[in-house]
Protein backbone atom coordinates (compact mmCIF):
# COMPACT_ATOMS: atom_id res chain seq x y z
CA MET A 1 7.35 66.62 15.43
CA THR A 2 3.93 67.45 14.10
CA SER A 3 5.21 68.31 10.66
CA ALA A 4 7.25 65.08 10.53
CA LEU A 5 4.14 63.08 11.43
CA SER A 6 2.14 64.93 8.78
CA ARG A 7 4.79 64.26 6.13
CA SER A 8 5.17 60.57 7.00
CA THR A 9 1.45 59.86 7.07
CA GLY A 10 0.35 62.29 4.44
CA SER A 11 -2.30 63.82 6.67
CA GLY A 12 -3.21 67.44 6.42
CA SER A 13 -1.91 67.97 2.84
CA GLY A 14 -4.41 65.92 0.90
CA ALA A 15 -1.59 63.64 -0.28
CA GLY A 16 -2.87 60.85 1.94
CA ALA A 17 -4.95 59.48 -0.91
CA GLY A 18 -1.84 58.58 -2.88
CA ALA A 19 -0.93 55.56 -4.95
CA GLY A 20 -1.03 53.23 -1.95
CA GLN A 21 -4.77 53.64 -1.66
CA SER A 22 -5.71 53.42 -5.33
CA ALA A 23 -6.26 49.66 -5.20
CA LEU A 24 -8.63 50.09 -2.30
CA GLY A 25 -10.74 52.75 -3.90
CA GLY A 26 -9.20 55.64 -2.00
CA GLY A 27 -8.18 57.55 -5.09
CA GLY A 28 -4.99 57.48 -6.95
CA GLY A 29 -4.34 60.07 -9.52
CA SER A 30 -7.26 59.82 -11.87
CA GLY A 31 -8.61 63.09 -10.50
CA THR A 32 -12.25 62.02 -10.72
CA ASN A 33 -12.10 59.30 -8.08
CA GLU A 34 -9.67 61.10 -5.77
CA ARG A 35 -11.10 62.31 -2.50
CA ALA A 36 -9.20 64.28 0.06
CA TRP A 37 -9.23 62.69 3.45
CA VAL A 38 -10.44 65.01 6.20
CA ASN A 39 -9.35 64.37 9.78
CA PRO A 40 -12.53 64.34 11.90
CA TYR A 41 -10.46 65.23 14.97
CA HIS A 42 -8.69 68.26 13.47
CA GLY A 43 -9.29 71.34 15.57
CA HIS A 44 -10.97 69.48 18.45
CA ARG A 45 -10.64 71.67 21.52
CA ALA A 46 -9.94 68.84 24.01
CA LEU A 47 -7.08 67.36 21.95
CA SER A 48 -3.59 68.52 21.23
CA GLU A 49 -2.51 68.70 17.61
CA GLN A 50 -0.54 65.44 17.90
CA GLU A 51 -3.42 63.62 19.61
CA ALA A 52 -5.79 64.80 16.87
CA GLU A 53 -3.38 63.56 14.18
CA VAL A 54 -2.96 60.14 15.85
CA LEU A 55 -6.72 59.71 16.31
CA GLY A 56 -7.24 60.85 12.73
CA GLU A 57 -4.80 58.20 11.50
CA TYR A 58 -6.70 55.56 13.48
CA ALA A 59 -9.97 56.74 11.89
CA ARG A 60 -8.36 56.59 8.44
CA LEU A 61 -7.04 53.09 9.16
CA ALA A 62 -10.53 51.99 10.26
CA GLU A 63 -11.98 53.29 6.98
CA THR A 64 -9.31 51.45 5.00
CA ILE A 65 -10.05 48.21 6.83
CA LYS A 66 -13.76 48.67 6.12
CA ARG A 67 -13.00 49.09 2.39
CA ILE A 68 -10.73 46.02 2.39
CA THR A 69 -13.46 43.99 4.08
CA ALA A 70 -16.04 45.17 1.56
CA LEU A 71 -13.73 44.24 -1.35
CA SER A 72 -12.66 40.87 0.04
CA TYR A 73 -16.11 39.61 1.02
CA PRO A 74 -17.31 38.91 -2.54
CA LEU A 75 -14.05 37.14 -3.30
CA SER A 76 -14.51 34.67 -0.47
CA SER A 77 -18.23 34.08 -0.55
CA ASN A 78 -18.88 32.17 -3.78
CA ALA A 79 -19.49 28.41 -4.01
CA LYS A 80 -16.14 27.62 -5.63
CA HIS A 81 -14.32 29.10 -2.68
CA ALA A 82 -16.69 27.44 -0.21
CA ASP A 83 -15.81 24.02 -1.67
CA LEU A 84 -12.11 24.81 -1.46
CA LEU A 85 -12.52 25.98 2.13
CA MET A 86 -14.32 22.75 3.03
CA GLN A 87 -11.50 20.70 1.51
CA LEU A 88 -8.92 22.79 3.35
CA ARG A 89 -10.75 22.23 6.65
CA VAL A 90 -10.64 18.46 6.09
CA LEU A 91 -6.93 18.71 5.32
CA GLU A 92 -6.41 20.87 8.40
CA ARG A 93 -8.03 18.22 10.62
CA LYS A 94 -5.85 15.50 9.11
CA MET A 95 -2.72 17.61 9.56
CA GLY A 96 -3.73 18.24 13.16
CA LEU A 97 -4.00 14.52 13.72
CA VAL A 98 -0.61 13.94 12.10
CA LEU A 99 0.92 16.65 14.27
CA THR A 100 -0.58 15.11 17.40
CA LEU A 101 0.72 11.64 16.51
CA PHE A 102 4.14 13.09 15.69
CA LYS A 103 4.30 14.88 19.05
CA ALA A 104 3.26 11.68 20.84
CA SER A 105 5.97 9.64 19.09
CA VAL A 106 8.62 12.25 19.84
CA TRP A 107 7.48 12.28 23.46
CA ALA A 108 7.71 8.48 23.61
CA LEU A 109 11.27 8.59 22.25
CA VAL A 110 12.29 11.25 24.76
CA VAL A 111 10.84 9.27 27.67
CA GLU A 112 12.52 6.08 26.41
CA GLN A 113 15.89 7.85 26.24
CA GLN A 114 15.41 9.23 29.73
CA ASP A 115 14.54 5.76 31.04
CA ARG A 116 17.65 4.30 29.42
CA ALA A 117 19.83 7.04 30.88
CA GLU A 118 18.36 6.51 34.35
CA GLU A 119 18.88 2.74 34.08
CA GLU A 120 22.51 3.26 33.06
CA GLU A 121 23.01 5.65 35.98
CA ARG A 122 21.49 3.10 38.39
CA ARG A 123 23.64 0.33 36.95
CA ALA A 124 26.80 2.46 37.20
CA ALA A 125 25.95 3.43 40.78
CA TYR A 126 25.32 -0.22 41.69
CA GLU A 127 28.57 -1.36 40.11
CA GLU A 128 30.43 1.41 41.91
CA GLN A 129 28.84 0.30 45.18
CA GLU A 130 29.85 -3.31 44.51
CA ARG A 131 33.43 -2.24 43.85
CA ALA A 132 33.43 -0.23 47.05
CA THR A 133 32.15 -3.15 49.14
CA GLY A 134 34.44 -5.65 47.46
CA ARG A 135 31.80 -7.81 45.78
CA THR A 136 32.56 -8.79 42.22
CA ASP A 137 29.76 -11.12 41.21
CA GLY A 138 29.03 -8.73 38.30
CA HIS A 139 25.26 -9.16 38.28
CA TYR A 140 23.22 -6.01 38.51
CA GLY A 141 20.52 -6.38 41.12
CA SER A 142 22.06 -9.40 42.75
CA GLY A 143 23.23 -9.32 46.31
CA THR A 144 22.31 -11.24 49.39
CA HIS A 145 18.67 -10.94 48.52
CA GLY A 146 19.38 -12.00 44.93
CA GLN A 147 21.41 -15.02 46.09
CA ALA A 148 18.57 -16.17 48.33
CA GLU A 149 16.16 -15.91 45.37
CA ASP A 150 18.56 -17.92 43.19
CA GLU A 151 18.73 -20.72 45.81
CA THR A 152 14.93 -20.74 46.11
CA LEU A 153 14.56 -21.04 42.36
CA ARG A 154 17.06 -23.90 42.15
CA SER A 155 15.25 -26.01 44.73
């Protein structure tokens, strides 16, 4: 297991500074800029060999992230990029507003459809009740109470 981990990560053989790291300044084959990575946890008495390798890989990853941060900072800190970032922030706010309005309109449509479905269910239930009781006046919401209202309105 240990040898498989060493082969897959390149640790322990000095091959860890291969072509994948050349763009980040970790060496690459030029010979002059190549530095062998040394596991700071190798041979630690409180760690097993696998634990030392895993912790070493985390340390190597942390160093790589530090190099990436150091390389990317100058790329993102000039005025040209700052202006572009400001414009993108404005666009992001507008897109957020559009998304919010879109969600609200979709929600309104969903609620409207639910209301229509509930109204149709109520109407169907009322018509079924009218058929069961033998009334056939055909007006939804009319009944004895509705007839009394109609007479009041006529007078």
